[in-house]
Amino acid sequence: MNLSTVPVTTGGYLRGIIPDYTVNQDIRDLVVFIIDRPQHEELIHEVRKAGGRVFLRTGGDVGGALLAADPDAPVDILIGTGGAAEGLISACAVKALGGAMLGRVTPRSPEERMACEQAGMDLQRVLTCDDMVTGDEVCHD
């Protein structure tokens, strides 16, 4: 199971972010962290077409989320699809740093989709950090 940034279409996501971003900065200054994966090819193209810069890496979902949550880091946002575990770890870190994160569960197979639906999960629901991390204290055993 994966966790994806939202909305479903990349174009809708960028059109939602870019106007807010450009109030104080030029779109050419927007740096988007994207993992270099085949499913992100269209996303990479769209960010570049819109005028944003791509911070492309072969891995590092959690690291990318930390960079995006740090106002002093060279990354403004992370967009893409990654593992559910990495998404939850990222949500914990982003929440602890006072950042924001949106995600949506995206099953990778019909079997995963069925299991999610049987568990009562709304696969169209956009999740915030507070949805993914309900408490203020996070620990790992």
N, C-alpha and C. Protein backbone atom coordinates (compact mmCIF):
# COMPACT_ATOMS: atom_id res chain seq x y z
N MET A 1 0.83 -1.17 0.00
CA MET A 1 0.00 0.00 0.00
C MET A 1 0.88 1.24 0.00
N ASN A 2 0.46 2.24 -0.72
CA ASN A 2 1.21 3.47 -0.84
C ASN A 2 0.44 4.64 -0.23
N LEU A 3 1.15 5.71 0.00
CA LEU A 3 0.55 6.97 0.41
C LEU A 3 0.96 7.98 -0.63
N SER A 4 -0.02 8.67 -1.21
CA SER A 4 0.25 9.63 -2.28
C SER A 4 -0.08 11.03 -1.84
N THR A 5 0.60 11.98 -2.44
CA THR A 5 0.18 13.36 -2.26
C THR A 5 -1.12 13.54 -3.01
N VAL A 6 -1.85 14.55 -2.72
CA VAL A 6 -3.18 14.76 -3.31
C VAL A 6 -3.31 16.16 -3.85
N PRO A 7 -4.32 16.46 -4.63
CA PRO A 7 -5.33 15.61 -5.24
C PRO A 7 -4.74 14.58 -6.21
N VAL A 8 -5.66 13.79 -6.78
CA VAL A 8 -5.26 12.68 -7.62
C VAL A 8 -4.43 13.15 -8.81
N THR A 9 -4.83 14.23 -9.47
CA THR A 9 -4.10 14.69 -10.64
C THR A 9 -2.99 15.64 -10.23
N THR A 10 -1.87 15.45 -10.81
CA THR A 10 -0.72 16.30 -10.52
C THR A 10 -1.03 17.75 -10.85
N GLY A 11 -1.63 17.97 -12.01
CA GLY A 11 -1.94 19.33 -12.44
C GLY A 11 -2.79 20.06 -11.42
N GLY A 12 -3.79 19.39 -10.89
CA GLY A 12 -4.64 20.00 -9.88
C GLY A 12 -3.86 20.35 -8.64
N TYR A 13 -2.92 19.50 -8.27
CA TYR A 13 -2.12 19.74 -7.08
C TYR A 13 -1.23 20.96 -7.27
N LEU A 14 -0.55 20.99 -8.39
CA LEU A 14 0.35 22.13 -8.63
C LEU A 14 -0.42 23.43 -8.79
N ARG A 15 -1.55 23.38 -9.48
CA ARG A 15 -2.35 24.60 -9.64
C ARG A 15 -2.84 25.08 -8.29
N GLY A 16 -3.02 24.17 -7.34
CA GLY A 16 -3.45 24.56 -6.01
C GLY A 16 -2.33 25.18 -5.18
N ILE A 17 -1.11 24.73 -5.39
CA ILE A 17 0.03 25.22 -4.61
C ILE A 17 0.64 26.47 -5.21
N ILE A 18 0.83 26.46 -6.50
CA ILE A 18 1.58 27.54 -7.15
C ILE A 18 1.00 28.92 -6.89
N PRO A 19 -0.31 29.15 -7.01
CA PRO A 19 -0.80 30.51 -6.74
C PRO A 19 -0.48 30.98 -5.33
N ASP A 20 -0.60 30.11 -4.33
CA ASP A 20 -0.28 30.49 -2.95
C ASP A 20 1.21 30.78 -2.81
N TYR A 21 2.02 29.99 -3.46
CA TYR A 21 3.47 30.13 -3.35
C TYR A 21 3.93 31.44 -3.99
N THR A 22 3.35 31.76 -5.13
CA THR A 22 3.84 32.91 -5.88
C THR A 22 3.40 34.25 -5.30
N VAL A 23 2.61 34.25 -4.24
CA VAL A 23 2.25 35.51 -3.61
C VAL A 23 3.51 36.23 -3.13
N ASN A 24 4.44 35.49 -2.55
CA ASN A 24 5.65 36.08 -2.00
C ASN A 24 6.93 35.74 -2.76
N GLN A 25 6.88 34.76 -3.67
CA GLN A 25 8.09 34.33 -4.36
C GLN A 25 7.78 33.99 -5.81
N ASP A 26 8.80 34.03 -6.62
CA ASP A 26 8.68 33.66 -8.02
C ASP A 26 8.59 32.15 -8.14
N ILE A 27 7.78 31.65 -9.06
CA ILE A 27 7.60 30.21 -9.22
C ILE A 27 8.93 29.53 -9.56
N ARG A 28 9.85 30.24 -10.18
CA ARG A 28 11.16 29.65 -10.48
C ARG A 28 11.95 29.34 -9.22
N ASP A 29 11.52 29.88 -8.09
CA ASP A 29 12.20 29.61 -6.82
C ASP A 29 11.61 28.40 -6.09
N LEU A 30 10.48 27.88 -6.59
CA LEU A 30 9.84 26.72 -5.97
C LEU A 30 10.67 25.47 -6.23
N VAL A 31 11.09 24.79 -5.16
CA VAL A 31 11.89 23.56 -5.28
C VAL A 31 11.04 22.39 -4.77
N VAL A 32 10.81 21.43 -5.65
CA VAL A 32 9.95 20.29 -5.36
C VAL A 32 10.80 19.02 -5.26
N PHE A 33 10.76 18.36 -4.11
CA PHE A 33 11.46 17.10 -3.91
C PHE A 33 10.61 15.98 -4.51
N ILE A 34 11.20 15.22 -5.43
CA ILE A 34 10.50 14.10 -6.07
C ILE A 34 11.46 12.92 -6.12
N ILE A 35 10.95 11.75 -5.76
CA ILE A 35 11.74 10.52 -5.87
C ILE A 35 11.75 10.10 -7.34
N ASP A 36 12.92 9.76 -7.86
CA ASP A 36 13.08 9.37 -9.25
C ASP A 36 12.56 7.95 -9.45
N ARG A 37 11.27 7.87 -9.79
CA ARG A 37 10.61 6.58 -10.04
C ARG A 37 9.80 6.70 -11.31
N PRO A 38 9.59 5.60 -12.03
CA PRO A 38 8.83 5.66 -13.28
C PRO A 38 7.44 6.31 -13.13
N GLN A 39 6.76 6.06 -12.02
CA GLN A 39 5.42 6.63 -11.85
C GLN A 39 5.44 8.14 -11.65
N HIS A 40 6.61 8.73 -11.45
CA HIS A 40 6.72 10.17 -11.25
C HIS A 40 7.17 10.94 -12.49
N GLU A 41 7.36 10.25 -13.62
CA GLU A 41 7.84 10.91 -14.83
C GLU A 41 6.95 12.08 -15.24
N GLU A 42 5.64 11.88 -15.27
CA GLU A 42 4.71 12.94 -15.66
C GLU A 42 4.76 14.09 -14.65
N LEU A 43 4.85 13.75 -13.39
CA LEU A 43 4.94 14.75 -12.33
C LEU A 43 6.18 15.62 -12.50
N ILE A 44 7.31 15.00 -12.75
CA ILE A 44 8.57 15.73 -12.95
C ILE A 44 8.43 16.68 -14.14
N HIS A 45 7.86 16.18 -15.22
CA HIS A 45 7.65 17.01 -16.41
C HIS A 45 6.74 18.19 -16.10
N GLU A 46 5.68 17.95 -15.38
CA GLU A 46 4.72 19.02 -15.08
C GLU A 46 5.31 20.10 -14.18
N VAL A 47 6.08 19.70 -13.19
CA VAL A 47 6.71 20.69 -12.30
C VAL A 47 7.65 21.57 -13.12
N ARG A 48 8.44 20.95 -13.96
CA ARG A 48 9.38 21.72 -14.79
C ARG A 48 8.63 22.61 -15.78
N LYS A 49 7.57 22.09 -16.38
CA LYS A 49 6.77 22.87 -17.33
C LYS A 49 6.15 24.09 -16.65
N ALA A 50 5.75 23.94 -15.39
CA ALA A 50 5.15 25.05 -14.65
C ALA A 50 6.18 26.09 -14.24
N GLY A 51 7.46 25.73 -14.33
CA GLY A 51 8.52 26.67 -13.99
C GLY A 51 9.22 26.36 -12.68
N GLY A 52 8.75 25.35 -11.96
CA GLY A 52 9.38 24.97 -10.70
C GLY A 52 10.65 24.17 -10.94
N ARG A 53 11.46 24.08 -9.90
CA ARG A 53 12.70 23.30 -9.97
C ARG A 53 12.49 21.97 -9.27
N VAL A 54 13.10 20.93 -9.79
CA VAL A 54 12.95 19.58 -9.24
C VAL A 54 14.22 19.18 -8.50
N PHE A 55 14.05 18.75 -7.25
CA PHE A 55 15.13 18.21 -6.42
C PHE A 55 14.95 16.70 -6.51
N LEU A 56 15.61 16.06 -7.46
CA LEU A 56 15.38 14.66 -7.80
C LEU A 56 16.37 13.77 -7.07
N ARG A 57 15.84 12.73 -6.41
CA ARG A 57 16.67 11.75 -5.70
C ARG A 57 16.15 10.35 -5.99
N THR A 58 17.02 9.35 -5.84
CA THR A 58 16.62 7.97 -6.10
C THR A 58 15.94 7.32 -4.91
N GLY A 59 15.94 7.96 -3.79
CA GLY A 59 15.28 7.45 -2.59
C GLY A 59 15.19 8.55 -1.56
N GLY A 60 14.60 8.21 -0.43
CA GLY A 60 14.57 9.19 0.65
C GLY A 60 13.24 9.85 0.89
N ASP A 61 12.16 9.07 0.86
CA ASP A 61 10.82 9.62 1.12
C ASP A 61 10.79 10.42 2.42
N VAL A 62 11.28 9.83 3.50
CA VAL A 62 11.23 10.48 4.81
C VAL A 62 12.17 11.69 4.83
N GLY A 63 13.35 11.52 4.29
CA GLY A 63 14.30 12.63 4.23
C GLY A 63 13.74 13.80 3.43
N GLY A 64 13.07 13.51 2.34
CA GLY A 64 12.45 14.56 1.53
C GLY A 64 11.36 15.29 2.30
N ALA A 65 10.59 14.54 3.08
CA ALA A 65 9.55 15.17 3.90
C ALA A 65 10.16 16.08 4.96
N LEU A 66 11.27 15.64 5.54
CA LEU A 66 11.95 16.46 6.54
C LEU A 66 12.50 17.74 5.91
N LEU A 67 13.07 17.61 4.72
CA LEU A 67 13.57 18.80 4.03
C LEU A 67 12.44 19.78 3.74
N ALA A 68 11.31 19.26 3.28
CA ALA A 68 10.18 20.12 2.96
C ALA A 68 9.60 20.80 4.20
N ALA A 69 9.71 20.15 5.35
CA ALA A 69 9.16 20.71 6.59
C ALA A 69 10.10 21.71 7.26
N ASP A 70 11.35 21.74 6.83
CA ASP A 70 12.34 22.63 7.43
C ASP A 70 12.41 23.93 6.62
N PRO A 71 12.02 25.05 7.21
CA PRO A 71 12.02 26.31 6.46
C PRO A 71 13.40 26.77 6.01
N ASP A 72 14.46 26.21 6.59
CA ASP A 72 15.82 26.59 6.21
C ASP A 72 16.43 25.65 5.18
N ALA A 73 15.70 24.60 4.80
CA ALA A 73 16.22 23.62 3.84
C ALA A 73 15.98 24.12 2.41
N PRO A 74 16.69 23.54 1.45
CA PRO A 74 16.56 23.99 0.06
C PRO A 74 15.36 23.40 -0.68
N VAL A 75 14.40 22.81 0.03
CA VAL A 75 13.23 22.19 -0.57
C VAL A 75 11.97 22.84 -0.01
N ASP A 76 11.01 23.10 -0.90
CA ASP A 76 9.75 23.72 -0.46
C ASP A 76 8.64 22.70 -0.22
N ILE A 77 8.52 21.73 -1.11
CA ILE A 77 7.48 20.71 -0.98
C ILE A 77 7.98 19.38 -1.50
N LEU A 78 7.33 18.30 -1.07
CA LEU A 78 7.57 16.96 -1.58
C LEU A 78 6.28 16.52 -2.24
N ILE A 79 6.37 15.98 -3.43
CA ILE A 79 5.18 15.46 -4.12
C ILE A 79 5.52 14.09 -4.66
N GLY A 80 4.59 13.14 -4.56
CA GLY A 80 4.77 11.84 -5.16
C GLY A 80 4.10 10.74 -4.38
N THR A 81 4.38 9.53 -4.79
CA THR A 81 3.82 8.35 -4.17
C THR A 81 4.93 7.57 -3.50
N GLY A 82 4.71 7.17 -2.26
CA GLY A 82 5.70 6.39 -1.53
C GLY A 82 5.01 5.36 -0.67
N GLY A 83 5.78 4.62 0.06
CA GLY A 83 5.25 3.57 0.92
C GLY A 83 4.42 4.12 2.07
N ALA A 84 3.44 3.34 2.50
CA ALA A 84 2.58 3.77 3.60
C ALA A 84 3.37 3.94 4.89
N ALA A 85 4.29 3.02 5.17
CA ALA A 85 5.10 3.13 6.39
C ALA A 85 5.93 4.41 6.37
N GLU A 86 6.54 4.70 5.23
CA GLU A 86 7.34 5.92 5.10
C GLU A 86 6.45 7.16 5.24
N GLY A 87 5.23 7.07 4.72
CA GLY A 87 4.29 8.18 4.84
C GLY A 87 3.93 8.45 6.29
N LEU A 88 3.72 7.41 7.06
CA LEU A 88 3.39 7.59 8.48
C LEU A 88 4.58 8.11 9.28
N ILE A 89 5.76 7.60 8.98
CA ILE A 89 6.96 8.11 9.66
C ILE A 89 7.14 9.59 9.31
N SER A 90 6.95 9.91 8.04
CA SER A 90 7.06 11.31 7.61
C SER A 90 6.05 12.18 8.32
N ALA A 91 4.81 11.69 8.44
CA ALA A 91 3.77 12.46 9.10
C ALA A 91 4.14 12.75 10.56
N CYS A 92 4.73 11.77 11.23
CA CYS A 92 5.17 11.98 12.62
C CYS A 92 6.21 13.09 12.68
N ALA A 93 7.21 13.01 11.80
CA ALA A 93 8.28 13.99 11.81
C ALA A 93 7.78 15.37 11.41
N VAL A 94 6.96 15.43 10.38
CA VAL A 94 6.44 16.71 9.90
C VAL A 94 5.58 17.37 10.97
N LYS A 95 4.75 16.57 11.64
CA LYS A 95 3.92 17.12 12.70
C LYS A 95 4.79 17.66 13.85
N ALA A 96 5.82 16.90 14.21
CA ALA A 96 6.71 17.34 15.29
C ALA A 96 7.42 18.64 14.94
N LEU A 97 7.68 18.85 13.64
CA LEU A 97 8.36 20.06 13.19
C LEU A 97 7.39 21.22 12.95
N GLY A 98 6.09 20.95 13.13
CA GLY A 98 5.10 22.00 12.93
C GLY A 98 4.74 22.23 11.47
N GLY A 99 5.06 21.27 10.62
CA GLY A 99 4.76 21.40 9.19
C GLY A 99 3.38 20.86 8.86
N ALA A 100 3.10 20.81 7.58
CA ALA A 100 1.81 20.30 7.10
C ALA A 100 2.07 19.22 6.05
N MET A 101 1.16 18.28 5.99
CA MET A 101 1.29 17.19 5.03
C MET A 101 -0.10 16.69 4.67
N LEU A 102 -0.29 16.40 3.41
CA LEU A 102 -1.53 15.79 2.94
C LEU A 102 -1.18 14.50 2.24
N GLY A 103 -2.04 13.50 2.39
CA GLY A 103 -1.80 12.22 1.74
C GLY A 103 -3.10 11.49 1.51
N ARG A 104 -3.03 10.46 0.70
CA ARG A 104 -4.18 9.62 0.42
C ARG A 104 -3.68 8.20 0.24
N VAL A 105 -4.37 7.23 0.81
CA VAL A 105 -3.99 5.82 0.67
C VAL A 105 -4.26 5.41 -0.77
N THR A 106 -3.25 4.81 -1.40
CA THR A 106 -3.37 4.35 -2.79
C THR A 106 -2.93 2.90 -2.88
N PRO A 107 -3.88 1.96 -2.85
CA PRO A 107 -3.53 0.54 -2.95
C PRO A 107 -2.81 0.24 -4.26
N ARG A 108 -1.86 -0.70 -4.21
CA ARG A 108 -1.08 -1.05 -5.38
C ARG A 108 -1.67 -2.21 -6.17
N SER A 109 -2.64 -2.89 -5.59
CA SER A 109 -3.20 -4.07 -6.26
C SER A 109 -4.68 -4.20 -5.91
N PRO A 110 -5.41 -5.00 -6.69
CA PRO A 110 -6.82 -5.24 -6.35
C PRO A 110 -6.99 -5.87 -4.97
N GLU A 111 -6.03 -6.70 -4.57
CA GLU A 111 -6.10 -7.33 -3.26
C GLU A 111 -5.95 -6.29 -2.14
N GLU A 112 -5.01 -5.38 -2.31
CA GLU A 112 -4.85 -4.31 -1.32
C GLU A 112 -6.09 -3.42 -1.28
N ARG A 113 -6.64 -3.11 -2.46
CA ARG A 113 -7.84 -2.29 -2.51
C ARG A 113 -8.99 -2.96 -1.75
N MET A 114 -9.16 -4.25 -1.96
CA MET A 114 -10.23 -4.99 -1.29
C MET A 114 -10.01 -4.98 0.23
N ALA A 115 -8.77 -5.21 0.66
CA ALA A 115 -8.47 -5.22 2.10
C ALA A 115 -8.75 -3.85 2.71
N CYS A 116 -8.40 -2.78 2.02
CA CYS A 116 -8.67 -1.43 2.52
C CYS A 116 -10.16 -1.17 2.62
N GLU A 117 -10.89 -1.56 1.59
CA GLU A 117 -12.34 -1.36 1.60
C GLU A 117 -13.01 -2.18 2.69
N GLN A 118 -12.54 -3.43 2.88
CA GLN A 118 -13.10 -4.28 3.94
C GLN A 118 -12.81 -3.72 5.32
N ALA A 119 -11.71 -2.99 5.45
CA ALA A 119 -11.36 -2.35 6.72
C ALA A 119 -12.12 -1.04 6.92
N GLY A 120 -12.92 -0.66 5.93
CA GLY A 120 -13.72 0.56 6.05
C GLY A 120 -12.97 1.84 5.70
N MET A 121 -11.86 1.72 5.01
CA MET A 121 -11.07 2.91 4.65
C MET A 121 -11.71 3.63 3.47
N ASP A 122 -11.75 4.94 3.55
CA ASP A 122 -12.24 5.78 2.45
C ASP A 122 -11.02 6.13 1.61
N LEU A 123 -10.88 5.51 0.45
CA LEU A 123 -9.70 5.69 -0.38
C LEU A 123 -9.66 7.03 -1.10
N GLN A 124 -10.74 7.79 -1.03
CA GLN A 124 -10.75 9.13 -1.63
C GLN A 124 -10.45 10.21 -0.59
N ARG A 125 -10.43 9.84 0.66
CA ARG A 125 -10.23 10.82 1.73
C ARG A 125 -8.81 11.37 1.74
N VAL A 126 -8.71 12.66 1.84
CA VAL A 126 -7.43 13.33 1.97
C VAL A 126 -7.08 13.38 3.45
N LEU A 127 -5.94 12.83 3.80
CA LEU A 127 -5.50 12.75 5.19
C LEU A 127 -4.52 13.86 5.52
N THR A 128 -4.66 14.46 6.67
CA THR A 128 -3.71 15.46 7.16
C THR A 128 -2.77 14.78 8.16
N CYS A 129 -1.78 15.52 8.61
CA CYS A 129 -0.89 14.99 9.66
C CYS A 129 -1.70 14.57 10.88
N ASP A 130 -2.67 15.40 11.26
CA ASP A 130 -3.48 15.08 12.44
C ASP A 130 -4.32 13.82 12.24
N ASP A 131 -4.72 13.52 11.00
CA ASP A 131 -5.44 12.27 10.73
C ASP A 131 -4.52 11.07 10.87
N MET A 132 -3.28 11.23 10.43
CA MET A 132 -2.32 10.11 10.44
C MET A 132 -1.64 9.94 11.78
N VAL A 133 -1.48 11.05 12.52
CA VAL A 133 -0.83 11.04 13.85
C VAL A 133 -1.77 11.77 14.79
N THR A 134 -2.57 11.01 15.52
CA THR A 134 -3.63 11.62 16.31
C THR A 134 -3.17 12.20 17.65
N GLY A 135 -2.02 11.79 18.13
CA GLY A 135 -1.53 12.29 19.41
C GLY A 135 -0.43 13.31 19.24
N ASP A 136 -0.01 13.86 20.37
CA ASP A 136 1.08 14.82 20.36
C ASP A 136 2.41 14.17 20.72
N GLU A 137 2.37 12.91 21.16
CA GLU A 137 3.58 12.18 21.51
C GLU A 137 3.71 10.98 20.59
N VAL A 138 4.87 10.81 20.02
CA VAL A 138 5.11 9.72 19.10
C VAL A 138 6.32 8.94 19.56
N CYS A 139 6.19 7.62 19.63
CA CYS A 139 7.32 6.78 19.98
C CYS A 139 7.29 5.53 19.14
N HIS A 140 8.40 4.85 19.07
CA HIS A 140 8.52 3.63 18.28
C HIS A 140 9.13 2.55 19.15
N ASP A 141 8.51 1.38 19.13
CA ASP A 141 9.04 0.24 19.89
C ASP A 141 9.76 -0.72 19.00
